[in-house]
Amino acid sequence: MNTTKINKNSLSRYLNDSDIVKKIDSAIAEFMGAKEKTHIADDEWSDYLERIDFFCIETIPDLDSILRKNWQKIIDFAKHWIRGKQSESIQCGITIFYMGLFLVGMTKNPETINKYVNTFLHVSECPLGKKILEIIRKLKL
């Protein structure tokens, strides 16, 4: 059994090689009208790793399992979150951003959602937390 721990190197390989990440990234790029994928800057890796750690995801197989199980729900969530926002490019692995919003929304716990929003979106106000819960309810999850 593959127990590759998640670190910058293993996550980088996974994000670049995974068919499920490419599928989700491509759908998000399409929603945003993005034509180009940019690489994750060195100073942004810790943010990706901390988001994954927030959900106690420790190995690449665990991450892959979550994405494969929830890929369509993550895409549906992203579509509602994006709602007409346009961008010329998206970051490779943007899947992790939307996976985090989806997973925290699925807790349906306002405290946990607000902690996530405050930590990773750097917003201490509740509107984004409410938006996350609203999307989860709309999707009937």
C-alpha atoms as a PDB file:
ATOM      1  CA  MET A   1       0.000   0.000   0.000  1.00  0.00           C
ATOM      2  CA  ASN A   2       1.299   3.440  -0.957  1.00  0.00           C
ATOM      3  CA  THR A   3       1.681   5.589   2.153  1.00  0.00           C
ATOM      4  CA  THR A   4       3.465   8.552   0.599  1.00  0.00           C
ATOM      5  CA  LYS A   5       3.277  11.349   3.154  1.00  0.00           C
ATOM      6  CA  ILE A   6       2.198  14.734   1.879  1.00  0.00           C
ATOM      7  CA  ASN A   7       5.004  17.251   1.600  1.00  0.00           C
ATOM      8  CA  LYS A   8       5.925  19.864  -0.990  1.00  0.00           C
ATOM      9  CA  ASN A   9       7.607  17.353  -3.314  1.00  0.00           C
ATOM     10  CA  SER A  10       4.946  14.639  -3.162  1.00  0.00           C
ATOM     11  CA  LEU A  11       2.131  17.173  -3.498  1.00  0.00           C
ATOM     12  CA  SER A  12       3.843  18.851  -6.459  1.00  0.00           C
ATOM     13  CA  ARG A  13       4.188  15.498  -8.249  1.00  0.00           C
ATOM     14  CA  TYR A  14       0.597  14.601  -7.451  1.00  0.00           C
ATOM     15  CA  LEU A  15      -0.860  17.912  -8.637  1.00  0.00           C
ATOM     16  CA  ASN A  16       1.115  17.699 -11.882  1.00  0.00           C
ATOM     17  CA  ASP A  17       0.425  14.020 -12.608  1.00  0.00           C
ATOM     18  CA  SER A  18      -3.068  13.308 -11.264  1.00  0.00           C
ATOM     19  CA  ASP A  19      -5.842  12.833 -13.802  1.00  0.00           C
ATOM     20  CA  ILE A  20      -8.493  13.751 -11.220  1.00  0.00           C
ATOM     21  CA  VAL A  21      -6.730  17.031 -10.339  1.00  0.00           C
ATOM     22  CA  LYS A  22      -6.433  17.855 -14.046  1.00  0.00           C
ATOM     23  CA  LYS A  23     -10.155  17.134 -14.476  1.00  0.00           C
ATOM     24  CA  ILE A  24     -11.189  19.409 -11.594  1.00  0.00           C
ATOM     25  CA  ASP A  25      -8.668  22.130 -12.492  1.00  0.00           C
ATOM     26  CA  SER A  26      -9.884  22.098 -16.109  1.00  0.00           C
ATOM     27  CA  ALA A  27     -13.533  22.437 -15.080  1.00  0.00           C
ATOM     28  CA  ILE A  28     -12.687  25.365 -12.807  1.00  0.00           C
ATOM     29  CA  ALA A  29     -10.604  26.992 -15.546  1.00  0.00           C
ATOM     30  CA  GLU A  30     -13.562  26.655 -17.910  1.00  0.00           C
ATOM     31  CA  PHE A  31     -15.944  28.325 -15.414  1.00  0.00           C
ATOM     32  CA  MET A  32     -13.517  31.232 -15.079  1.00  0.00           C
ATOM     33  CA  GLY A  33     -12.659  31.501 -18.768  1.00  0.00           C
ATOM     34  CA  ALA A  34      -9.001  30.881 -17.892  1.00  0.00           C
ATOM     35  CA  LYS A  35      -6.714  29.863 -20.726  1.00  0.00           C
ATOM     36  CA  GLU A  36      -3.513  29.411 -18.775  1.00  0.00           C
ATOM     37  CA  LYS A  37      -2.402  27.503 -15.689  1.00  0.00           C
ATOM     38  CA  THR A  38       0.332  29.035 -13.595  1.00  0.00           C
ATOM     39  CA  HIS A  39       2.652  27.141 -11.299  1.00  0.00           C
ATOM     40  CA  ILE A  40       2.416  27.436  -7.547  1.00  0.00           C
ATOM     41  CA  ALA A  41       4.917  29.966  -6.265  1.00  0.00           C
ATOM     42  CA  ASP A  42       7.430  28.686  -3.724  1.00  0.00           C
ATOM     43  CA  ASP A  43       5.989  30.896  -0.990  1.00  0.00           C
ATOM     44  CA  GLU A  44       2.469  29.518  -1.556  1.00  0.00           C
ATOM     45  CA  TRP A  45       3.224  25.831  -0.959  1.00  0.00           C
ATOM     46  CA  SER A  46       2.872  26.163   2.785  1.00  0.00           C
ATOM     47  CA  ASP A  47      -0.690  27.460   2.306  1.00  0.00           C
ATOM     48  CA  TYR A  48      -1.629  24.396   0.217  1.00  0.00           C
ATOM     49  CA  LEU A  49      -0.021  22.065   2.755  1.00  0.00           C
ATOM     50  CA  GLU A  50      -1.740  23.798   5.688  1.00  0.00           C
ATOM     51  CA  ARG A  51      -5.141  23.551   3.985  1.00  0.00           C
ATOM     52  CA  ILE A  52      -4.634  19.818   3.523  1.00  0.00           C
ATOM     53  CA  ASP A  53      -3.400  19.453   7.100  1.00  0.00           C
ATOM     54  CA  PHE A  54      -6.503  21.277   8.413  1.00  0.00           C
ATOM     55  CA  PHE A  55      -8.490  18.192   7.379  1.00  0.00           C
ATOM     56  CA  CYS A  56      -5.912  15.737   8.775  1.00  0.00           C
ATOM     57  CA  ILE A  57      -5.137  14.385   5.304  1.00  0.00           C
ATOM     58  CA  GLU A  58      -1.721  12.819   5.739  1.00  0.00           C
ATOM     59  CA  THR A  59      -0.954  10.814   2.604  1.00  0.00           C
ATOM     60  CA  ILE A  60      -1.255  11.220  -1.145  1.00  0.00           C
ATOM     61  CA  PRO A  61      -3.545   8.153  -1.359  1.00  0.00           C
ATOM     62  CA  ASP A  62      -5.851   9.749   1.246  1.00  0.00           C
ATOM     63  CA  LEU A  63      -5.957  12.994  -0.745  1.00  0.00           C
ATOM     64  CA  ASP A  64      -6.542  11.104  -3.983  1.00  0.00           C
ATOM     65  CA  SER A  65      -9.370   9.108  -2.409  1.00  0.00           C
ATOM     66  CA  ILE A  66     -11.123  12.266  -1.180  1.00  0.00           C
ATOM     67  CA  LEU A  67     -10.821  13.923  -4.597  1.00  0.00           C
ATOM     68  CA  ARG A  68     -12.046  10.836  -6.474  1.00  0.00           C
ATOM     69  CA  LYS A  69     -14.974  10.395  -4.109  1.00  0.00           C
ATOM     70  CA  ASN A  70     -16.017  14.066  -4.248  1.00  0.00           C
ATOM     71  CA  TRP A  71     -14.773  15.394  -7.602  1.00  0.00           C
ATOM     72  CA  GLN A  72     -18.213  16.220  -9.005  1.00  0.00           C
ATOM     73  CA  LYS A  73     -19.363  17.837  -5.758  1.00  0.00           C
ATOM     74  CA  ILE A  74     -16.172  19.929  -5.649  1.00  0.00           C
ATOM     75  CA  ILE A  75     -16.781  21.059  -9.242  1.00  0.00           C
ATOM     76  CA  ASP A  76     -20.427  21.886  -8.457  1.00  0.00           C
ATOM     77  CA  PHE A  77     -19.355  23.810  -5.354  1.00  0.00           C
ATOM     78  CA  ALA A  78     -16.708  25.735  -7.335  1.00  0.00           C
ATOM     79  CA  LYS A  79     -19.234  26.636 -10.025  1.00  0.00           C
ATOM     80  CA  HIS A  80     -21.519  28.223  -7.406  1.00  0.00           C
ATOM     81  CA  TRP A  81     -18.618  29.949  -5.662  1.00  0.00           C
ATOM     82  CA  ILE A  82     -17.177  31.395  -8.888  1.00  0.00           C
ATOM     83  CA  ARG A  83     -20.505  32.582 -10.341  1.00  0.00           C
ATOM     84  CA  GLY A  84     -19.345  34.535 -13.363  1.00  0.00           C
ATOM     85  CA  LYS A  85     -15.941  35.619 -12.036  1.00  0.00           C
ATOM     86  CA  GLN A  86     -13.424  35.658 -14.865  1.00  0.00           C
ATOM     87  CA  SER A  87      -9.673  35.219 -14.859  1.00  0.00           C
ATOM     88  CA  GLU A  88      -7.081  34.809 -17.585  1.00  0.00           C
ATOM     89  CA  SER A  89      -5.243  32.166 -15.592  1.00  0.00           C
ATOM     90  CA  ILE A  90      -5.640  29.806 -12.675  1.00  0.00           C
ATOM     91  CA  GLN A  91      -3.047  28.240 -10.455  1.00  0.00           C
ATOM     92  CA  CYS A  92      -2.177  24.601 -11.073  1.00  0.00           C
ATOM     93  CA  GLY A  93      -3.818  22.662  -8.269  1.00  0.00           C
ATOM     94  CA  ILE A  94      -6.610  25.194  -7.659  1.00  0.00           C
ATOM     95  CA  THR A  95      -8.500  22.006  -6.872  1.00  0.00           C
ATOM     96  CA  ILE A  96      -7.002  22.150  -3.359  1.00  0.00           C
ATOM     97  CA  PHE A  97      -8.543  25.588  -2.754  1.00  0.00           C
ATOM     98  CA  TYR A  98     -12.037  24.412  -3.715  1.00  0.00           C
ATOM     99  CA  MET A  99     -11.647  21.025  -2.015  1.00  0.00           C
ATOM    100  CA  GLY A 100     -10.959  22.922   1.220  1.00  0.00           C
ATOM    101  CA  LEU A 101     -14.036  25.121   0.860  1.00  0.00           C
ATOM    102  CA  PHE A 102     -16.164  22.085   0.027  1.00  0.00           C
ATOM    103  CA  LEU A 103     -14.844  19.942   2.887  1.00  0.00           C
ATOM    104  CA  VAL A 104     -15.211  22.674   5.479  1.00  0.00           C
ATOM    105  CA  GLY A 105     -18.715  23.379   4.199  1.00  0.00           C
ATOM    106  CA  MET A 106     -19.605  19.734   4.614  1.00  0.00           C
ATOM    107  CA  THR A 107     -18.882  20.014   8.334  1.00  0.00           C
ATOM    108  CA  LYS A 108     -21.911  22.354   8.482  1.00  0.00           C
ATOM    109  CA  ASN A 109     -20.308  23.696  11.645  1.00  0.00           C
ATOM    110  CA  PRO A 110     -20.245  27.520  11.644  1.00  0.00           C
ATOM    111  CA  GLU A 111     -17.339  27.626  14.124  1.00  0.00           C
ATOM    112  CA  THR A 112     -15.172  25.344  12.001  1.00  0.00           C
ATOM    113  CA  ILE A 113     -16.125  27.183   8.819  1.00  0.00           C
ATOM    114  CA  ASN A 114     -15.324  30.573  10.330  1.00  0.00           C
ATOM    115  CA  LYS A 115     -11.985  29.272  11.629  1.00  0.00           C
ATOM    116  CA  TYR A 116     -11.133  28.018   8.124  1.00  0.00           C
ATOM    117  CA  VAL A 117     -12.239  31.273   6.474  1.00  0.00           C
ATOM    118  CA  ASN A 118     -10.264  33.336   8.981  1.00  0.00           C
ATOM    119  CA  THR A 119      -7.150  31.170   8.628  1.00  0.00           C
ATOM    120  CA  PHE A 120      -7.042  30.631   4.872  1.00  0.00           C
ATOM    121  CA  LEU A 121      -9.074  33.404   3.310  1.00  0.00           C
ATOM    122  CA  HIS A 122      -7.781  35.904   5.867  1.00  0.00           C
ATOM    123  CA  VAL A 123     -11.239  37.272   6.508  1.00  0.00           C
ATOM    124  CA  SER A 124     -12.667  37.468   9.997  1.00  0.00           C
ATOM    125  CA  GLU A 125     -16.175  38.408   8.919  1.00  0.00           C
ATOM    126  CA  CYS A 126     -18.955  35.850   8.630  1.00  0.00           C
ATOM    127  CA  PRO A 127     -20.307  36.506   5.086  1.00  0.00           C
ATOM    128  CA  LEU A 128     -17.926  34.037   3.443  1.00  0.00           C
ATOM    129  CA  GLY A 129     -18.759  31.388   6.018  1.00  0.00           C
ATOM    130  CA  LYS A 130     -22.441  31.974   5.332  1.00  0.00           C
ATOM    131  CA  LYS A 131     -21.785  31.762   1.584  1.00  0.00           C
ATOM    132  CA  ILE A 132     -20.104  28.370   2.054  1.00  0.00           C
ATOM    133  CA  LEU A 133     -23.094  27.025   4.018  1.00  0.00           C
ATOM    134  CA  GLU A 134     -25.521  28.522   1.501  1.00  0.00           C
ATOM    135  CA  ILE A 135     -23.825  26.697  -1.387  1.00  0.00           C
ATOM    136  CA  ILE A 136     -23.798  23.395   0.532  1.00  0.00           C
ATOM    137  CA  ARG A 137     -27.542  23.805   1.161  1.00  0.00           C
ATOM    138  CA  LYS A 138     -28.243  24.694  -2.490  1.00  0.00           C
ATOM    139  CA  LEU A 139     -26.404  21.572  -3.597  1.00  0.00           C
ATOM    140  CA  LYS A 140     -28.416  19.571  -1.043  1.00  0.00           C
ATOM    141  CA  LEU A 141     -25.303  17.990   0.427  1.00  0.00           C
END
